[in-house]
PDB file of N, CA and C in Angstrom:
ATOM      1  N   MET A   1      -0.065  16.588  19.905  1.00  0.00           N
ATOM      2  CA  MET A   1       0.683  15.426  19.068  1.00  0.00           C
ATOM      3  C   MET A   1       1.404  16.014  17.978  1.00  0.00           C
ATOM      4  N   THR A   2       2.738  15.791  17.847  1.00  0.00           N
ATOM      5  CA  THR A   2       3.505  16.286  16.698  1.00  0.00           C
ATOM      6  C   THR A   2       3.068  15.682  15.126  1.00  0.00           C
ATOM      7  N   GLU A   3       3.528  16.466  14.286  1.00  0.00           N
ATOM      8  CA  GLU A   3       3.115  16.009  12.976  1.00  0.00           C
ATOM      9  C   GLU A   3       3.958  14.557  12.761  1.00  0.00           C
ATOM     10  N   LYS A   4       5.052  14.418  13.080  1.00  0.00           N
ATOM     11  CA  LYS A   4       5.862  13.122  13.180  1.00  0.00           C
ATOM     12  C   LYS A   4       5.303  11.919  14.026  1.00  0.00           C
ATOM     13  N   GLU A   5       4.691  12.405  15.312  1.00  0.00           N
ATOM     14  CA  GLU A   5       3.640  11.534  15.870  1.00  0.00           C
ATOM     15  C   GLU A   5       2.895  11.107  15.241  1.00  0.00           C
ATOM     16  N   GLY A   6       2.089  11.888  14.755  1.00  0.00           N
ATOM     17  CA  GLY A   6       0.771  11.741  13.819  1.00  0.00           C
ATOM     18  C   GLY A   6       0.872  10.753  12.637  1.00  0.00           C
ATOM     19  N   VAL A   7       2.010  10.853  11.746  1.00  0.00           N
ATOM     20  CA  VAL A   7       2.191  10.126  10.716  1.00  0.00           C
ATOM     21  C   VAL A   7       2.605   8.821  11.283  1.00  0.00           C
ATOM     22  N   ASN A   8       3.109   8.658  12.448  1.00  0.00           N
ATOM     23  CA  ASN A   8       3.688   7.354  12.893  1.00  0.00           C
ATOM     24  C   ASN A   8       2.650   6.539  13.642  1.00  0.00           C
ATOM     25  N   TYR A   9       1.474   6.855  14.014  1.00  0.00           N
ATOM     26  CA  TYR A   9       0.236   6.581  14.740  1.00  0.00           C
ATOM     27  C   TYR A   9       0.177   4.788  14.512  1.00  0.00           C
ATOM     28  N   LEU A  10      -0.182   4.729  13.107  1.00  0.00           N
ATOM     29  CA  LEU A  10      -0.640   3.226  12.651  1.00  0.00           C
ATOM     30  C   LEU A  10       0.741   2.547  13.008  1.00  0.00           C
ATOM     31  N   LYS A  11       1.940   3.119  12.623  1.00  0.00           N
ATOM     32  CA  LYS A  11       2.888   2.414  12.473  1.00  0.00           C
ATOM     33  C   LYS A  11       3.258   1.716  14.376  1.00  0.00           C
ATOM     34  N   ASN A  12       3.178   2.539  14.974  1.00  0.00           N
ATOM     35  CA  ASN A  12       3.282   2.256  16.570  1.00  0.00           C
ATOM     36  C   ASN A  12       2.347   1.137  16.894  1.00  0.00           C
ATOM     37  N   SER A  13       1.253   1.307  16.284  1.00  0.00           N
ATOM     38  CA  SER A  13       0.004   0.160  16.769  1.00  0.00           C
ATOM     39  C   SER A  13       0.402  -1.149  16.003  1.00  0.00           C
ATOM     40  N   VAL A  14       0.922  -0.955  14.816  1.00  0.00           N
ATOM     41  CA  VAL A  14       0.845  -2.311  14.022  1.00  0.00           C
ATOM     42  C   VAL A  14       2.449  -3.146  14.567  1.00  0.00           C
ATOM     43  N   SER A  15       3.430  -2.040  14.885  1.00  0.00           N
ATOM     44  CA  SER A  15       4.505  -2.744  15.604  1.00  0.00           C
ATOM     45  C   SER A  15       4.285  -3.831  16.696  1.00  0.00           C
ATOM     46  N   LYS A  16       3.249  -3.789  17.523  1.00  0.00           N
ATOM     47  CA  LYS A  16       2.947  -4.316  18.621  1.00  0.00           C
ATOM     48  C   LYS A  16       2.541  -5.770  18.135  1.00  0.00           C
ATOM     49  N   ILE A  17       2.153  -6.001  17.115  1.00  0.00           N
ATOM     50  CA  ILE A  17       1.540  -7.083  16.504  1.00  0.00           C
ATOM     51  C   ILE A  17       2.394  -7.841  15.391  1.00  0.00           C
ATOM     52  N   ALA A  18       3.137  -6.936  14.846  1.00  0.00           N
ATOM     53  CA  ALA A  18       4.016  -7.306  13.819  1.00  0.00           C
ATOM     54  C   ALA A  18       4.715  -8.825  13.882  1.00  0.00           C
ATOM     55  N   ASP A  19       5.205  -8.759  15.070  1.00  0.00           N
ATOM     56  CA  ASP A  19       6.120 -10.024  15.182  1.00  0.00           C
ATOM     57  C   ASP A  19       5.415 -11.210  15.222  1.00  0.00           C
ATOM     58  N   ASN A  20       3.830 -11.151  15.163  1.00  0.00           N
ATOM     59  CA  ASN A  20       3.133 -12.503  15.256  1.00  0.00           C
ATOM     60  C   ASN A  20       2.996 -12.999  13.818  1.00  0.00           C
ATOM     61  N   PHE A  21       3.369 -12.276  13.047  1.00  0.00           N
ATOM     62  CA  PHE A  21       3.100 -12.464  11.399  1.00  0.00           C
ATOM     63  C   PHE A  21       4.179 -12.583  10.422  1.00  0.00           C
ATOM     64  N   ALA A  22       4.435 -13.341   9.795  1.00  0.00           N
ATOM     65  CA  ALA A  22       5.348 -13.265   8.440  1.00  0.00           C
ATOM     66  C   ALA A  22       5.348 -12.265   8.039  1.00  0.00           C
ATOM     67  N   PHE A  23       4.183 -11.796   7.460  1.00  0.00           N
ATOM     68  CA  PHE A  23       3.634 -10.617   6.416  1.00  0.00           C
ATOM     69  C   PHE A  23       2.406  -9.784   7.043  1.00  0.00           C
ATOM     70  N   VAL A  24       2.639  -8.711   6.744  1.00  0.00           N
ATOM     71  CA  VAL A  24       1.447  -7.830   7.128  1.00  0.00           C
ATOM     72  C   VAL A  24       1.329  -6.785   5.831  1.00  0.00           C
ATOM     73  N   PHE A  25       0.150  -7.273   5.236  1.00  0.00           N
ATOM     74  CA  PHE A  25      -0.212  -6.457   3.950  1.00  0.00           C
ATOM     75  C   PHE A  25      -1.322  -5.449   4.152  1.00  0.00           C
ATOM     76  N   LEU A  26      -0.991  -4.420   3.909  1.00  0.00           N
ATOM     77  CA  LEU A  26      -1.838  -2.884   3.808  1.00  0.00           C
ATOM     78  C   LEU A  26      -2.108  -2.800   2.405  1.00  0.00           C
ATOM     79  N   ASP A  27      -3.407  -2.620   1.881  1.00  0.00           N
ATOM     80  CA  ASP A  27      -3.823  -2.274   0.655  1.00  0.00           C
ATOM     81  C   ASP A  27      -4.462  -1.142   0.673  1.00  0.00           C
ATOM     82  N   VAL A  28      -3.920   0.036  -0.051  1.00  0.00           N
ATOM     83  CA  VAL A  28      -4.479   1.218  -0.331  1.00  0.00           C
ATOM     84  C   VAL A  28      -4.243   1.716  -1.595  1.00  0.00           C
ATOM     85  N   SER A  29      -5.411   2.871  -1.994  1.00  0.00           N
ATOM     86  CA  SER A  29      -4.950   3.553  -3.404  1.00  0.00           C
ATOM     87  C   SER A  29      -3.777   4.336  -3.149  1.00  0.00           C
ATOM     88  N   LEU A  30      -3.271   4.655  -4.201  1.00  0.00           N
ATOM     89  CA  LEU A  30      -2.067   5.639  -4.343  1.00  0.00           C
ATOM     90  C   LEU A  30      -2.488   7.052  -4.314  1.00  0.00           C
ATOM     91  N   THR A  31      -2.948   7.324  -2.982  1.00  0.00           N
ATOM     92  CA  THR A  31      -3.351   8.804  -2.839  1.00  0.00           C
ATOM     93  C   THR A  31      -2.643   9.728  -1.816  1.00  0.00           C
ATOM     94  N   MET A  32      -2.578  10.762  -1.723  1.00  0.00           N
ATOM     95  CA  MET A  32      -1.584  11.599  -0.966  1.00  0.00           C
ATOM     96  C   MET A  32      -2.154  12.243   0.034  1.00  0.00           C
ATOM     97  N   SER A  33      -2.485  11.617   1.266  1.00  0.00           N
ATOM     98  CA  SER A  33      -3.127  11.833   2.459  1.00  0.00           C
ATOM     99  C   SER A  33      -2.657  11.285   3.815  1.00  0.00           C
ATOM    100  N   LEU A  34      -2.942  11.811   4.906  1.00  0.00           N
ATOM    101  CA  LEU A  34      -2.467  11.511   6.283  1.00  0.00           C
ATOM    102  C   LEU A  34      -2.616  10.033   6.461  1.00  0.00           C
ATOM    103  N   THR A  35      -3.802   9.653   6.047  1.00  0.00           N
ATOM    104  CA  THR A  35      -4.128   8.257   6.146  1.00  0.00           C
ATOM    105  C   THR A  35      -3.241   7.363   5.785  1.00  0.00           C
ATOM    106  N   ASN A  36      -2.955   7.680   4.284  1.00  0.00           N
ATOM    107  CA  ASN A  36      -2.030   6.825   3.341  1.00  0.00           C
ATOM    108  C   ASN A  36      -0.564   7.031   4.000  1.00  0.00           C
ATOM    109  N   ASP A  37      -0.143   8.272   4.556  1.00  0.00           N
ATOM    110  CA  ASP A  37       0.943   8.386   4.940  1.00  0.00           C
ATOM    111  C   ASP A  37       1.281   7.587   6.161  1.00  0.00           C
ATOM    112  N   ASN A  38       0.222   7.260   6.934  1.00  0.00           N
ATOM    113  CA  ASN A  38       0.375   6.345   8.056  1.00  0.00           C
ATOM    114  C   ASN A  38       0.742   4.945   7.629  1.00  0.00           C
ATOM    115  N   VAL A  39      -0.084   4.551   6.586  1.00  0.00           N
ATOM    116  CA  VAL A  39       0.162   3.143   5.943  1.00  0.00           C
ATOM    117  C   VAL A  39       1.489   3.184   5.321  1.00  0.00           C
ATOM    118  N   PHE A  40       2.042   3.962   4.817  1.00  0.00           N
ATOM    119  CA  PHE A  40       3.337   4.074   4.149  1.00  0.00           C
ATOM    120  C   PHE A  40       4.377   4.064   5.149  1.00  0.00           C
ATOM    121  N   MET A  41       4.169   4.529   6.404  1.00  0.00           N
ATOM    122  CA  MET A  41       5.372   4.582   7.284  1.00  0.00           C
ATOM    123  C   MET A  41       5.299   3.326   7.870  1.00  0.00           C
ATOM    124  N   CYS A  42       4.534   2.424   7.717  1.00  0.00           N
ATOM    125  CA  CYS A  42       4.374   1.144   8.142  1.00  0.00           C
ATOM    126  C   CYS A  42       4.943   0.175   7.510  1.00  0.00           C
ATOM    127  N   CYS A  43       5.121   0.419   6.101  1.00  0.00           N
ATOM    128  CA  CYS A  43       5.855  -0.468   5.342  1.00  0.00           C
ATOM    129  C   CYS A  43       7.175  -0.527   4.992  1.00  0.00           C
ATOM    130  N   ASP A  44       8.025  -1.750   4.673  1.00  0.00           N
ATOM    131  CA  ASP A  44       9.400  -1.806   4.230  1.00  0.00           C
ATOM    132  C   ASP A  44       9.324  -1.645   2.701  1.00  0.00           C
ATOM    133  N   TRP A  45       8.378  -2.200   2.022  1.00  0.00           N
ATOM    134  CA  TRP A  45       8.188  -2.238   0.742  1.00  0.00           C
ATOM    135  C   TRP A  45       6.965  -1.724   0.288  1.00  0.00           C
ATOM    136  N   ILE A  46       6.902  -1.252  -1.127  1.00  0.00           N
ATOM    137  CA  ILE A  46       5.527  -0.943  -1.681  1.00  0.00           C
ATOM    138  C   ILE A  46       5.530  -1.415  -2.895  1.00  0.00           C
ATOM    139  N   ILE A  47       4.316  -1.917  -3.328  1.00  0.00           N
ATOM    140  CA  ILE A  47       4.246  -2.504  -4.949  1.00  0.00           C
ATOM    141  C   ILE A  47       3.274  -1.554  -5.217  1.00  0.00           C
ATOM    142  N   VAL A  48       3.714  -0.925  -6.471  1.00  0.00           N
ATOM    143  CA  VAL A  48       2.750   0.278  -7.212  1.00  0.00           C
ATOM    144  C   VAL A  48       1.727  -0.491  -8.097  1.00  0.00           C
ATOM    145  N   MET A  49       0.624  -0.668  -8.219  1.00  0.00           N
ATOM    146  CA  MET A  49      -0.072  -1.260  -9.197  1.00  0.00           C
ATOM    147  C   MET A  49      -0.608   0.111  -9.941  1.00  0.00           C
ATOM    148  N   LEU A  50      -1.039   0.001 -11.065  1.00  0.00           N
ATOM    149  CA  LEU A  50      -1.435   1.080 -12.089  1.00  0.00           C
ATOM    150  C   LEU A  50      -1.862   0.377 -13.403  1.00  0.00           C
ATOM    151  N   GLN A  51      -3.009   1.169 -13.682  1.00  0.00           N
ATOM    152  CA  GLN A  51      -3.541   1.115 -15.171  1.00  0.00           C
ATOM    153  C   GLN A  51      -2.250   1.227 -16.207  1.00  0.00           C
ATOM    154  N   THR A  52      -2.686   1.002 -17.525  1.00  0.00           N
ATOM    155  CA  THR A  52      -1.496   0.807 -18.380  1.00  0.00           C
ATOM    156  C   THR A  52      -1.837   1.943 -19.324  1.00  0.00           C
ATOM    157  N   HIS A  53      -2.142   3.021 -18.821  1.00  0.00           N
ATOM    158  CA  HIS A  53      -2.220   4.296 -19.707  1.00  0.00           C
ATOM    159  C   HIS A  53      -1.462   5.570 -19.130  1.00  0.00           C
ATOM    160  N   GLN A  54      -1.020   6.546 -20.043  1.00  0.00           N
ATOM    161  CA  GLN A  54      -0.122   7.569 -19.799  1.00  0.00           C
ATOM    162  C   GLN A  54      -0.365   8.417 -18.203  1.00  0.00           C
ATOM    163  N   ARG A  55      -1.554   8.737 -18.120  1.00  0.00           N
ATOM    164  CA  ARG A  55      -1.973   9.439 -16.940  1.00  0.00           C
ATOM    165  C   ARG A  55      -1.773   8.791 -15.742  1.00  0.00           C
ATOM    166  N   ALA A  56      -1.847   7.268 -15.739  1.00  0.00           N
ATOM    167  CA  ALA A  56      -1.784   6.421 -14.570  1.00  0.00           C
ATOM    168  C   ALA A  56      -0.205   6.363 -14.320  1.00  0.00           C
ATOM    169  N   LEU A  57       0.588   6.282 -15.322  1.00  0.00           N
ATOM    170  CA  LEU A  57       2.053   6.119 -15.018  1.00  0.00           C
ATOM    171  C   LEU A  57       2.865   7.696 -14.601  1.00  0.00           C
ATOM    172  N   LEU A  58       2.107   8.690 -15.272  1.00  0.00           N
ATOM    173  CA  LEU A  58       2.737   9.985 -14.778  1.00  0.00           C
ATOM    174  C   LEU A  58       2.230  10.187 -13.235  1.00  0.00           C
ATOM    175  N   GLY A  59       1.021   9.739 -12.742  1.00  0.00           N
ATOM    176  CA  GLY A  59       0.434   9.460 -11.675  1.00  0.00           C
ATOM    177  C   GLY A  59       1.343   9.085 -10.637  1.00  0.00           C
ATOM    178  N   ALA A  60       1.821   7.775 -10.819  1.00  0.00           N
ATOM    179  CA  ALA A  60       2.761   6.868 -10.270  1.00  0.00           C
ATOM    180  C   ALA A  60       4.025   7.574 -10.011  1.00  0.00           C
ATOM    181  N   ASN A  61       4.339   8.195 -11.107  1.00  0.00           N
ATOM    182  CA  ASN A  61       5.649   8.851 -10.748  1.00  0.00           C
ATOM    183  C   ASN A  61       5.591   9.915  -9.637  1.00  0.00           C
ATOM    184  N   GLY A  62       4.636  10.773 -10.023  1.00  0.00           N
ATOM    185  CA  GLY A  62       4.157  11.897  -8.961  1.00  0.00           C
ATOM    186  C   GLY A  62       4.018  11.228  -7.552  1.00  0.00           C
ATOM    187  N   PHE A  63       3.573  10.102  -7.504  1.00  0.00           N
ATOM    188  CA  PHE A  63       3.448   9.587  -6.207  1.00  0.00           C
ATOM    189  C   PHE A  63       4.632   9.029  -5.483  1.00  0.00           C
ATOM    190  N   LEU A  64       5.606   8.710  -6.368  1.00  0.00           N
ATOM    191  CA  LEU A  64       6.879   8.262  -5.975  1.00  0.00           C
ATOM    192  C   LEU A  64       7.883   9.525  -5.642  1.00  0.00           C
ATOM    193  N   LYS A  65       7.508  10.656  -6.185  1.00  0.00           N
ATOM    194  CA  LYS A  65       8.088  11.962  -5.728  1.00  0.00           C
ATOM    195  C   LYS A  65       7.576  12.430  -4.567  1.00  0.00           C
ATOM    196  N   TYR A  66       6.372  12.249  -4.397  1.00  0.00           N
ATOM    197  CA  TYR A  66       5.718  12.423  -2.890  1.00  0.00           C
ATOM    198  C   TYR A  66       6.195  11.748  -1.951  1.00  0.00           C
ATOM    199  N   LEU A  67       6.547  10.275  -2.148  1.00  0.00           N
ATOM    200  CA  LEU A  67       7.129   9.668  -1.017  1.00  0.00           C
ATOM    201  C   LEU A  67       8.330  10.040  -0.982  1.00  0.00           C
ATOM    202  N   GLN A  68       9.312  10.312  -1.651  1.00  0.00           N
ATOM    203  CA  GLN A  68      10.738  10.828  -1.447  1.00  0.00           C
ATOM    204  C   GLN A  68      10.594  12.182  -0.669  1.00  0.00           C
ATOM    205  N   THR A  69       9.879  13.323  -1.047  1.00  0.00           N
ATOM    206  CA  THR A  69       9.971  14.414  -0.437  1.00  0.00           C
ATOM    207  C   THR A  69       9.212  14.535   0.707  1.00  0.00           C
ATOM    208  N   ASN A  70       8.009  13.738   0.934  1.00  0.00           N
ATOM    209  CA  ASN A  70       7.284  14.019   2.290  1.00  0.00           C
ATOM    210  C   ASN A  70       7.521  12.956   3.198  1.00  0.00           C
ATOM    211  N   LEU A  71       7.681  11.726   2.921  1.00  0.00           N
ATOM    212  CA  LEU A  71       8.189  10.595   3.790  1.00  0.00           C
ATOM    213  C   LEU A  71       9.794  10.213   3.927  1.00  0.00           C
ATOM    214  N   ILE A  72      10.472  10.307   3.076  1.00  0.00           N
ATOM    215  CA  ILE A  72      11.930   9.814   3.160  1.00  0.00           C
ATOM    216  C   ILE A  72      12.697  11.252   3.447  1.00  0.00           C
ATOM    217  N   ASP A  73      12.512  12.098   2.779  1.00  0.00           N
ATOM    218  CA  ASP A  73      13.158  13.327   3.278  1.00  0.00           C
ATOM    219  C   ASP A  73      12.825  13.988   4.407  1.00  0.00           C
ATOM    220  N   GLU A  74      11.685  14.233   4.719  1.00  0.00           N
ATOM    221  CA  GLU A  74      10.895  14.858   5.844  1.00  0.00           C
ATOM    222  C   GLU A  74      10.988  14.162   7.048  1.00  0.00           C
ATOM    223  N   PHE A  75      10.577  12.807   6.835  1.00  0.00           N
ATOM    224  CA  PHE A  75      10.648  12.022   8.193  1.00  0.00           C
ATOM    225  C   PHE A  75      11.645  10.852   8.058  1.00  0.00           C
ATOM    226  N   GLY A  76      12.633  10.781   7.346  1.00  0.00           N
ATOM    227  CA  GLY A  76      13.714   9.587   7.385  1.00  0.00           C
ATOM    228  C   GLY A  76      13.149   8.474   7.008  1.00  0.00           C
ATOM    229  N   LYS A  77      12.230   8.116   6.594  1.00  0.00           N
ATOM    230  CA  LYS A  77      11.668   6.749   6.190  1.00  0.00           C
ATOM    231  C   LYS A  77      12.521   6.069   5.447  1.00  0.00           C
ATOM    232  N   THR A  78      12.696   5.038   5.503  1.00  0.00           N
ATOM    233  CA  THR A  78      13.620   3.790   4.725  1.00  0.00           C
ATOM    234  C   THR A  78      12.386   3.079   4.234  1.00  0.00           C
ATOM    235  N   ILE A  79      12.196   3.130   2.893  1.00  0.00           N
ATOM    236  CA  ILE A  79      11.337   2.390   2.258  1.00  0.00           C
ATOM    237  C   ILE A  79      11.957   1.871   0.664  1.00  0.00           C
ATOM    238  N   ASP A  80      11.463   0.750   0.105  1.00  0.00           N
ATOM    239  CA  ASP A  80      11.918   0.604  -1.107  1.00  0.00           C
ATOM    240  C   ASP A  80      10.326   0.219  -1.901  1.00  0.00           C
ATOM    241  N   VAL A  81      10.590   0.126  -3.332  1.00  0.00           N
ATOM    242  CA  VAL A  81       9.465  -0.007  -4.373  1.00  0.00           C
ATOM    243  C   VAL A  81      10.009  -1.380  -4.683  1.00  0.00           C
ATOM    244  N   ALA A  82       9.183  -2.414  -4.338  1.00  0.00           N
ATOM    245  CA  ALA A  82       9.629  -3.500  -4.547  1.00  0.00           C
ATOM    246  C   ALA A  82       9.196  -4.102  -6.149  1.00  0.00           C
ATOM    247  N   GLY A  83       8.249  -3.466  -6.610  1.00  0.00           N
ATOM    248  CA  GLY A  83       8.041  -3.372  -8.168  1.00  0.00           C
ATOM    249  C   GLY A  83       6.729  -2.222  -8.541  1.00  0.00           C
ATOM    250  N   VAL A  84       6.697  -2.539  -9.686  1.00  0.00           N
ATOM    251  CA  VAL A  84       5.366  -1.766 -10.507  1.00  0.00           C
ATOM    252  C   VAL A  84       4.770  -2.930 -11.264  1.00  0.00           C
ATOM    253  N   LEU A  85       3.396  -2.894 -10.868  1.00  0.00           N
ATOM    254  CA  LEU A  85       2.665  -4.202 -11.618  1.00  0.00           C
ATOM    255  C   LEU A  85       1.633  -3.225 -12.485  1.00  0.00           C
ATOM    256  N   PRO A  86       1.835  -3.084 -13.989  1.00  0.00           N
ATOM    257  CA  PRO A  86       0.792  -2.741 -14.790  1.00  0.00           C
ATOM    258  C   PRO A  86      -0.515  -3.852 -14.636  1.00  0.00           C
ATOM    259  N   VAL A  87      -1.545  -3.124 -14.954  1.00  0.00           N
ATOM    260  CA  VAL A  87      -2.851  -3.910 -14.811  1.00  0.00           C
ATOM    261  C   VAL A  87      -3.604  -3.368 -16.005  1.00  0.00           C
ATOM    262  N   LEU A  88      -3.695  -4.284 -17.150  1.00  0.00           N
ATOM    263  CA  LEU A  88      -4.530  -4.138 -18.111  1.00  0.00           C
ATOM    264  C   LEU A  88      -5.988  -4.199 -18.385  1.00  0.00           C
ATOM    265  N   SER A  89      -6.744  -3.434 -18.252  1.00  0.00           N
ATOM    266  CA  SER A  89      -8.111  -3.541 -18.399  1.00  0.00           C
ATOM    267  C   SER A  89      -8.650  -3.960 -19.883  1.00  0.00           C
ATOM    268  N   LYS A  90      -7.890  -3.635 -20.636  1.00  0.00           N
ATOM    269  CA  LYS A  90      -8.259  -4.007 -22.143  1.00  0.00           C
ATOM    270  C   LYS A  90      -7.074  -4.265 -22.880  1.00  0.00           C
ATOM    271  N   GLY A  91      -6.965  -5.228 -23.692  1.00  0.00           N
ATOM    272  CA  GLY A  91      -5.731  -5.826 -24.357  1.00  0.00           C
ATOM    273  C   GLY A  91      -4.841  -4.800 -25.325  1.00  0.00           C
ATOM    274  N   GLN A  92      -5.443  -3.730 -25.920  1.00  0.00           N
ATOM    275  CA  GLN A  92      -4.880  -2.821 -26.594  1.00  0.00           C
ATOM    276  C   GLN A  92      -4.212  -1.832 -25.783  1.00  0.00           C
ATOM    277  N   LEU A  93      -4.587  -1.704 -24.628  1.00  0.00           N
ATOM    278  CA  LEU A  93      -3.837  -0.737 -23.704  1.00  0.00           C
ATOM    279  C   LEU A  93      -2.436  -0.817 -23.153  1.00  0.00           C
ATOM    280  N   ILE A  94      -1.934  -1.900 -23.838  1.00  0.00           N
ATOM    281  CA  ILE A  94      -0.444  -1.989 -23.658  1.00  0.00           C
ATOM    282  C   ILE A  94       0.318  -0.931 -24.615  1.00  0.00           C
ATOM    283  N   ILE A  95      -0.372  -0.652 -25.677  1.00  0.00           N
ATOM    284  CA  ILE A  95       0.508   0.323 -26.472  1.00  0.00           C
ATOM    285  C   ILE A  95       0.451   1.602 -25.602  1.00  0.00           C
ATOM    286  N   HIS A  96      -0.747   2.049 -24.774  1.00  0.00           N
ATOM    287  CA  HIS A  96      -0.639   3.405 -24.248  1.00  0.00           C
ATOM    288  C   HIS A  96       0.413   3.216 -23.087  1.00  0.00           C
ATOM    289  N   PHE A  97       0.509   1.912 -22.543  1.00  0.00           N
ATOM    290  CA  PHE A  97       1.501   1.789 -21.406  1.00  0.00           C
ATOM    291  C   PHE A  97       3.300   2.130 -21.708  1.00  0.00           C
ATOM    292  N   ILE A  98       3.275   1.283 -22.786  1.00  0.00           N
ATOM    293  CA  ILE A  98       4.437   1.285 -23.621  1.00  0.00           C
ATOM    294  C   ILE A  98       4.922   2.877 -24.068  1.00  0.00           C
ATOM    295  N   THR A  99       3.990   3.808 -24.645  1.00  0.00           N
ATOM    296  CA  THR A  99       3.972   5.156 -24.918  1.00  0.00           C
ATOM    297  C   THR A  99       4.274   5.815 -23.807  1.00  0.00           C
ATOM    298  N   ALA A 100       3.636   5.692 -22.890  1.00  0.00           N
ATOM    299  CA  ALA A 100       3.676   6.367 -21.413  1.00  0.00           C
ATOM    300  C   ALA A 100       5.015   6.201 -20.893  1.00  0.00           C
ATOM    301  N   LEU A 101       5.547   4.841 -20.804  1.00  0.00           N
ATOM    302  CA  LEU A 101       6.908   4.591 -20.122  1.00  0.00           C
ATOM    303  C   LEU A 101       8.022   4.990 -21.060  1.00  0.00           C
ATOM    304  N   ASP A 102       7.794   5.339 -22.223  1.00  0.00           N
ATOM    305  CA  ASP A 102       8.729   6.113 -23.150  1.00  0.00           C
ATOM    306  C   ASP A 102       9.009   7.360 -22.900  1.00  0.00           C
ATOM    307  N   ILE A 103       7.625   8.051 -22.661  1.00  0.00           N
ATOM    308  CA  ILE A 103       7.701   9.628 -22.157  1.00  0.00           C
ATOM    309  C   ILE A 103       8.522   9.902 -20.893  1.00  0.00           C
ATOM    310  N   LEU A 104       7.992   8.927 -20.011  1.00  0.00           N
ATOM    311  CA  LEU A 104       8.845   8.883 -18.815  1.00  0.00           C
ATOM    312  C   LEU A 104      10.146   8.807 -18.466  1.00  0.00           C
ATOM    313  N   VAL A 105      10.604   7.776 -19.054  1.00  0.00           N
ATOM    314  CA  VAL A 105      12.121   7.540 -19.288  1.00  0.00           C
ATOM    315  C   VAL A 105      12.668   8.722 -20.261  1.00  0.00           C
ATOM    316  N   GLN A 106      12.319   9.422 -21.207  1.00  0.00           N
ATOM    317  CA  GLN A 106      12.523  10.764 -21.640  1.00  0.00           C
ATOM    318  C   GLN A 106      12.762  11.835 -20.865  1.00  0.00           C
ATOM    319  N   ASP A 107      11.508  11.940 -20.183  1.00  0.00           N
ATOM    320  CA  ASP A 107      11.705  12.986 -19.177  1.00  0.00           C
ATOM    321  C   ASP A 107      12.690  12.748 -18.072  1.00  0.00           C
ATOM    322  N   GLN A 108      12.937  11.375 -17.559  1.00  0.00           N
ATOM    323  CA  GLN A 108      13.957  11.377 -16.432  1.00  0.00           C
ATOM    324  C   GLN A 108      15.440  11.967 -17.169  1.00  0.00           C
ATOM    325  N   ASN A 109      15.506  11.521 -18.344  1.00  0.00           N
ATOM    326  CA  ASN A 109      17.029  11.672 -19.226  1.00  0.00           C
ATOM    327  C   ASN A 109      17.039  13.150 -19.058  1.00  0.00           C
ATOM    328  N   LYS A 110      16.051  13.705 -19.280  1.00  0.00           N
ATOM    329  CA  LYS A 110      16.014  15.435 -19.333  1.00  0.00           C
ATOM    330  C   LYS A 110      16.734  15.898 -17.964  1.00  0.00           C
ATOM    331  N   GLN A 111      16.298  15.401 -17.159  1.00  0.00           N
ATOM    332  CA  GLN A 111      16.925  15.979 -15.899  1.00  0.00           C
ATOM    333  C   GLN A 111      18.130  15.353 -15.573  1.00  0.00           C
TER     334      GLN A 111
END
């Protein structure tokens, strides 16, 4: 089995039943692994959920870069990010999220 066949294994399986449903939701953590690559190859859209602190936002940014280089560029995957949902575990953490978002925007502007 080639790498491309391996990363499309779940997609090929899900495609056999996908027409029977309006939506198929696959819920996984944002980690970089062959298992998750299989899930992401099945998706038309991704919704990124993250906690509202700087490390989570920087991790999500790294994850999106991973999607770009490993799935879109290497395997030609077409996928859209439908949204980013910040999750507050404590009310005061919104300050951390805003600060992290400012840092990320500044970093993007430097490039």
